[in-house]
Amino acid sequence: MSEPDVLRIEQANERLPYIRAIVRDVMAVAGDLAWRQERLDEMRRLYEDVPGESPHAEELEEMERDVERDSARFRELESELEQIGVHLVDSSTGLVEVLSEPDGRPIRISWKPDEPEFLYWREIDDDIGTRKPLLESVAGRTPTSLDNSSFDHSSFDRGTDT
C-alpha cells in the first residue's frame, strides 16, 4: 500500500468540487445499499424455514445482485477518493479527511457536505469524532490562506471538539 498524499489545506479545498460530487454519490449509494441489505436480510429470515424452493428465490437472487452491484460501486467511489488523497470516514454523514502537515507535524483535516471548505482538524491519534475548528486554531486566518511554511501549530491547542 502506498503512502497517503499529504496536502496543504488550500490544495484540499481546491479539490473540494470533485470531492463534493464523489461524496454525494457515496452517500446515495451507501443509503441504497443499507436499505437493500436490510430488505434482503428480512426476506432471508422470512423464507429460511420454507421447505423446498422459495417462491421468492428469483427475487432474492435479484436483490443479492443489486447488493453486490451497489457494494462494488461503493468500493469504486471510495477508491476514487483515496486516489486523490481523501479518506472516507463516514458514508452516512459524508465525513472525509485529508492528511496535512501545516507545520511539518501530520494532522488530519476534515470536511462534511454541509461545510463550505475544510474547516476542522484533529491529531492523527485523536478519535475520529474529534474535530477542532481550524479558524480558532489560526487566530483569524482563513484555512485557504495557510501553507506549510507559515503555519504556527502551537495555536492548535486552543481548538475545541465539535
C-alpha atoms as a PDB file:
ATOM      1  CA  MET A   1       0.000   0.000   0.000  1.00  0.00           C
ATOM      2  CA  SER A   2       1.393   3.418  -0.915  1.00  0.00           C
ATOM      3  CA  GLU A   3       1.825   6.338   1.444  1.00  0.00           C
ATOM      4  CA  PRO A   4      -1.215   8.649   1.576  1.00  0.00           C
ATOM      5  CA  ASP A   5      -0.989  12.046  -0.095  1.00  0.00           C
ATOM      6  CA  VAL A   6      -0.111  14.925   2.192  1.00  0.00           C
ATOM      7  CA  LEU A   7      -1.994  18.024   1.096  1.00  0.00           C
ATOM      8  CA  ARG A   8      -1.883  21.640   2.117  1.00  0.00           C
ATOM      9  CA  ILE A   9      -5.245  22.958   3.254  1.00  0.00           C
ATOM     10  CA  GLU A  10      -5.637  25.057   0.109  1.00  0.00           C
ATOM     11  CA  GLN A  11      -4.904  22.003  -2.066  1.00  0.00           C
ATOM     12  CA  ALA A  12      -7.641  20.075  -0.275  1.00  0.00           C
ATOM     13  CA  ASN A  13     -10.049  22.964  -0.789  1.00  0.00           C
ATOM     14  CA  GLU A  14      -9.130  23.162  -4.492  1.00  0.00           C
ATOM     15  CA  ARG A  15     -10.194  19.520  -4.819  1.00  0.00           C
ATOM     16  CA  LEU A  16     -13.461  20.135  -2.990  1.00  0.00           C
ATOM     17  CA  PRO A  17     -15.779  20.389  -6.041  1.00  0.00           C
ATOM     18  CA  TYR A  18     -14.631  16.921  -7.141  1.00  0.00           C
ATOM     19  CA  ILE A  19     -14.710  15.590  -3.564  1.00  0.00           C
ATOM     20  CA  ARG A  20     -18.214  17.001  -3.072  1.00  0.00           C
ATOM     21  CA  ALA A  21     -19.505  15.205  -6.194  1.00  0.00           C
ATOM     22  CA  ILE A  22     -17.996  11.868  -5.179  1.00  0.00           C
ATOM     23  CA  VAL A  23     -19.207  12.162  -1.586  1.00  0.00           C
ATOM     24  CA  ARG A  24     -22.737  12.938  -2.799  1.00  0.00           C
ATOM     25  CA  ASP A  25     -22.638   9.709  -4.828  1.00  0.00           C
ATOM     26  CA  VAL A  26     -21.119   7.768  -1.906  1.00  0.00           C
ATOM     27  CA  MET A  27     -23.912   8.871   0.409  1.00  0.00           C
ATOM     28  CA  ALA A  28     -26.602   7.929  -2.124  1.00  0.00           C
ATOM     29  CA  VAL A  29     -25.079   4.509  -2.834  1.00  0.00           C
ATOM     30  CA  ALA A  30     -24.494   3.849   0.882  1.00  0.00           C
ATOM     31  CA  GLY A  31     -28.119   4.690   1.656  1.00  0.00           C
ATOM     32  CA  ASP A  32     -29.396   2.436  -1.139  1.00  0.00           C
ATOM     33  CA  LEU A  33     -27.038  -0.327  -0.108  1.00  0.00           C
ATOM     34  CA  ALA A  34     -28.133  -0.207   3.532  1.00  0.00           C
ATOM     35  CA  TRP A  35     -31.811  -0.316   2.532  1.00  0.00           C
ATOM     36  CA  ARG A  36     -31.288  -3.182   0.069  1.00  0.00           C
ATOM     37  CA  GLN A  37     -29.198  -5.189   2.533  1.00  0.00           C
ATOM     38  CA  GLU A  38     -31.805  -4.706   5.264  1.00  0.00           C
ATOM     39  CA  ARG A  39     -34.584  -5.803   2.912  1.00  0.00           C
ATOM     40  CA  LEU A  40     -32.557  -8.814   1.714  1.00  0.00           C
ATOM     41  CA  ASP A  41     -31.824  -9.895   5.296  1.00  0.00           C
ATOM     42  CA  GLU A  42     -35.511  -9.549   6.147  1.00  0.00           C
ATOM     43  CA  MET A  43     -36.557 -11.661   3.153  1.00  0.00           C
ATOM     44  CA  ARG A  44     -33.984 -14.334   4.031  1.00  0.00           C
ATOM     45  CA  ARG A  45     -35.343 -14.529   7.581  1.00  0.00           C
ATOM     46  CA  LEU A  46     -38.916 -14.793   6.341  1.00  0.00           C
ATOM     47  CA  TYR A  47     -38.188 -17.631   3.943  1.00  0.00           C
ATOM     48  CA  GLU A  48     -35.363 -19.521   5.647  1.00  0.00           C
ATOM     49  CA  ASP A  49     -37.737 -22.110   7.132  1.00  0.00           C
ATOM     50  CA  VAL A  50     -39.814 -22.581   3.975  1.00  0.00           C
ATOM     51  CA  PRO A  51     -39.245 -26.151   2.731  1.00  0.00           C
ATOM     52  CA  GLY A  52     -38.114 -26.595  -0.864  1.00  0.00           C
ATOM     53  CA  GLU A  53     -37.601 -23.814  -3.375  1.00  0.00           C
ATOM     54  CA  SER A  54     -38.889 -20.472  -2.122  1.00  0.00           C
ATOM     55  CA  PRO A  55     -41.465 -18.792  -4.357  1.00  0.00           C
ATOM     56  CA  HIS A  56     -39.305 -15.693  -3.891  1.00  0.00           C
ATOM     57  CA  ALA A  57     -35.997 -17.288  -4.947  1.00  0.00           C
ATOM     58  CA  GLU A  58     -35.731 -15.175  -8.105  1.00  0.00           C
ATOM     59  CA  GLU A  59     -36.477 -12.010  -6.173  1.00  0.00           C
ATOM     60  CA  LEU A  60     -33.835 -12.911  -3.593  1.00  0.00           C
ATOM     61  CA  GLU A  61     -31.266 -13.584  -6.316  1.00  0.00           C
ATOM     62  CA  GLU A  62     -32.028 -10.250  -7.955  1.00  0.00           C
ATOM     63  CA  MET A  63     -31.717  -8.460  -4.613  1.00  0.00           C
ATOM     64  CA  GLU A  64     -28.368 -10.180  -3.999  1.00  0.00           C
ATOM     65  CA  ARG A  65     -27.137  -8.970  -7.398  1.00  0.00           C
ATOM     66  CA  ASP A  66     -28.315  -5.434  -6.573  1.00  0.00           C
ATOM     67  CA  VAL A  67     -26.490  -5.518  -3.232  1.00  0.00           C
ATOM     68  CA  GLU A  68     -23.307  -6.775  -4.909  1.00  0.00           C
ATOM     69  CA  ARG A  69     -23.590  -4.109  -7.640  1.00  0.00           C
ATOM     70  CA  ASP A  70     -24.049  -1.360  -5.032  1.00  0.00           C
ATOM     71  CA  SER A  71     -21.169  -2.752  -2.964  1.00  0.00           C
ATOM     72  CA  ALA A  72     -18.893  -2.691  -5.998  1.00  0.00           C
ATOM     73  CA  ARG A  73     -19.944   0.881  -6.839  1.00  0.00           C
ATOM     74  CA  PHE A  74     -19.321   1.941  -3.244  1.00  0.00           C
ATOM     75  CA  ARG A  75     -15.808   0.447  -3.363  1.00  0.00           C
ATOM     76  CA  GLU A  76     -15.136   2.249  -6.670  1.00  0.00           C
ATOM     77  CA  LEU A  77     -16.186   5.601  -5.212  1.00  0.00           C
ATOM     78  CA  GLU A  78     -14.150   5.050  -2.051  1.00  0.00           C
ATOM     79  CA  SER A  79     -11.137   4.159  -4.213  1.00  0.00           C
ATOM     80  CA  GLU A  80     -11.672   7.298  -6.291  1.00  0.00           C
ATOM     81  CA  LEU A  81     -11.460   9.383  -3.111  1.00  0.00           C
ATOM     82  CA  GLU A  82      -8.335   7.538  -1.936  1.00  0.00           C
ATOM     83  CA  GLN A  83      -6.654   8.190  -5.296  1.00  0.00           C
ATOM     84  CA  ILE A  84      -6.859  11.929  -4.675  1.00  0.00           C
ATOM     85  CA  GLY A  85      -5.685  11.692  -1.062  1.00  0.00           C
ATOM     86  CA  VAL A  86      -9.098  11.687   0.621  1.00  0.00           C
ATOM     87  CA  HIS A  87     -10.155   9.145   3.251  1.00  0.00           C
ATOM     88  CA  LEU A  88     -13.874   8.420   3.686  1.00  0.00           C
ATOM     89  CA  VAL A  89     -14.599   8.371   7.423  1.00  0.00           C
ATOM     90  CA  ASP A  90     -18.400   8.072   7.496  1.00  0.00           C
ATOM     91  CA  SER A  91     -20.518   7.291   4.446  1.00  0.00           C
ATOM     92  CA  SER A  92     -23.792   8.275   6.125  1.00  0.00           C
ATOM     93  CA  THR A  93     -22.659  11.825   7.032  1.00  0.00           C
ATOM     94  CA  GLY A  94     -20.154  12.211   4.201  1.00  0.00           C
ATOM     95  CA  LEU A  95     -17.286  12.994   6.591  1.00  0.00           C
ATOM     96  CA  VAL A  96     -13.912  12.813   4.852  1.00  0.00           C
ATOM     97  CA  GLU A  97     -10.378  13.523   5.997  1.00  0.00           C
ATOM     98  CA  VAL A  98      -7.136  14.519   4.336  1.00  0.00           C
ATOM     99  CA  LEU A  99      -3.637  14.156   5.714  1.00  0.00           C
ATOM    100  CA  SER A 100      -1.924  17.530   6.077  1.00  0.00           C
ATOM    101  CA  GLU A 101       1.298  18.810   7.633  1.00  0.00           C
ATOM    102  CA  PRO A 102       0.884  22.557   8.164  1.00  0.00           C
ATOM    103  CA  ASP A 103       3.998  22.775  10.343  1.00  0.00           C
ATOM    104  CA  GLY A 104       5.669  19.502   9.484  1.00  0.00           C
ATOM    105  CA  ARG A 105       3.639  17.556  12.036  1.00  0.00           C
ATOM    106  CA  PRO A 106       0.948  15.337  10.492  1.00  0.00           C
ATOM    107  CA  ILE A 107      -2.692  16.119  11.227  1.00  0.00           C
ATOM    108  CA  ARG A 108      -5.988  15.225   9.568  1.00  0.00           C
ATOM    109  CA  ILE A 109      -8.188  17.987   8.220  1.00  0.00           C
ATOM    110  CA  SER A 110     -11.850  17.187   7.669  1.00  0.00           C
ATOM    111  CA  TRP A 111     -14.918  18.210   5.711  1.00  0.00           C
ATOM    112  CA  LYS A 112     -18.612  17.316   5.622  1.00  0.00           C
ATOM    113  CA  PRO A 113     -21.095  18.157   2.845  1.00  0.00           C
ATOM    114  CA  ASP A 114     -22.775  20.952   4.806  1.00  0.00           C
ATOM    115  CA  GLU A 115     -19.475  22.846   5.163  1.00  0.00           C
ATOM    116  CA  PRO A 116     -18.096  25.331   2.606  1.00  0.00           C
ATOM    117  CA  GLU A 117     -14.493  24.059   2.855  1.00  0.00           C
ATOM    118  CA  PHE A 118     -12.102  22.090   5.056  1.00  0.00           C
ATOM    119  CA  LEU A 119     -12.623  23.835   8.384  1.00  0.00           C
ATOM    120  CA  TYR A 120     -11.707  21.245  11.030  1.00  0.00           C
ATOM    121  CA  TRP A 121      -8.721  19.195  12.085  1.00  0.00           C
ATOM    122  CA  ARG A 122      -7.636  16.505  14.535  1.00  0.00           C
ATOM    123  CA  GLU A 123      -4.386  14.955  15.692  1.00  0.00           C
ATOM    124  CA  ILE A 124      -3.522  11.693  13.931  1.00  0.00           C
ATOM    125  CA  ASP A 125      -4.056   9.740  17.170  1.00  0.00           C
ATOM    126  CA  ASP A 126      -7.286  11.530  18.206  1.00  0.00           C
ATOM    127  CA  ASP A 127     -10.597   9.712  17.972  1.00  0.00           C
ATOM    128  CA  ILE A 128     -12.207  10.048  14.567  1.00  0.00           C
ATOM    129  CA  GLY A 129     -15.109  12.021  16.050  1.00  0.00           C
ATOM    130  CA  THR A 130     -12.760  14.749  17.296  1.00  0.00           C
ATOM    131  CA  ARG A 131     -12.991  17.846  15.132  1.00  0.00           C
ATOM    132  CA  LYS A 132     -11.355  21.111  16.176  1.00  0.00           C
ATOM    133  CA  PRO A 133     -12.047  24.318  14.235  1.00  0.00           C
ATOM    134  CA  LEU A 134      -9.141  25.488  12.086  1.00  0.00           C
ATOM    135  CA  LEU A 135     -10.286  29.116  12.281  1.00  0.00           C
ATOM    136  CA  GLU A 136      -9.883  29.238  16.055  1.00  0.00           C
ATOM    137  CA  SER A 137      -6.580  27.498  15.767  1.00  0.00           C
ATOM    138  CA  VAL A 138      -5.015  30.027  13.438  1.00  0.00           C
ATOM    139  CA  ALA A 139      -6.156  33.238  15.116  1.00  0.00           C
ATOM    140  CA  GLY A 140      -8.486  34.546  12.432  1.00  0.00           C
ATOM    141  CA  ARG A 141      -6.587  33.472   9.314  1.00  0.00           C
ATOM    142  CA  THR A 142      -8.731  31.584   6.861  1.00  0.00           C
ATOM    143  CA  PRO A 143      -7.866  27.956   6.112  1.00  0.00           C
ATOM    144  CA  THR A 144      -7.219  28.718   2.444  1.00  0.00           C
ATOM    145  CA  SER A 145      -4.538  31.248   3.376  1.00  0.00           C
ATOM    146  CA  LEU A 146      -2.471  28.666   5.240  1.00  0.00           C
ATOM    147  CA  ASP A 147       0.514  26.933   3.783  1.00  0.00           C
ATOM    148  CA  ASN A 148       3.045  24.532   5.198  1.00  0.00           C
ATOM    149  CA  SER A 149       5.737  27.177   5.616  1.00  0.00           C
ATOM    150  CA  SER A 150       3.894  29.801   7.666  1.00  0.00           C
ATOM    151  CA  PHE A 151       1.602  27.823   9.944  1.00  0.00           C
ATOM    152  CA  ASP A 152       2.014  28.114  13.718  1.00  0.00           C
ATOM    153  CA  HIS A 153       0.975  24.736  15.118  1.00  0.00           C
ATOM    154  CA  SER A 154       1.110  25.916  18.738  1.00  0.00           C
ATOM    155  CA  SER A 155      -2.216  27.703  18.278  1.00  0.00           C
ATOM    156  CA  PHE A 156      -3.880  24.334  17.592  1.00  0.00           C
ATOM    157  CA  ASP A 157      -4.167  23.705  21.308  1.00  0.00           C
ATOM    158  CA  ARG A 158      -6.959  26.264  21.561  1.00  0.00           C
ATOM    159  CA  GLY A 159      -9.369  24.243  19.359  1.00  0.00           C
ATOM    160  CA  THR A 160     -12.455  22.570  20.791  1.00  0.00           C
ATOM    161  CA  ASP A 161     -14.192  19.345  19.912  1.00  0.00           C
ATOM    162  CA  THR A 162     -17.341  19.622  17.828  1.00  0.00           C
END
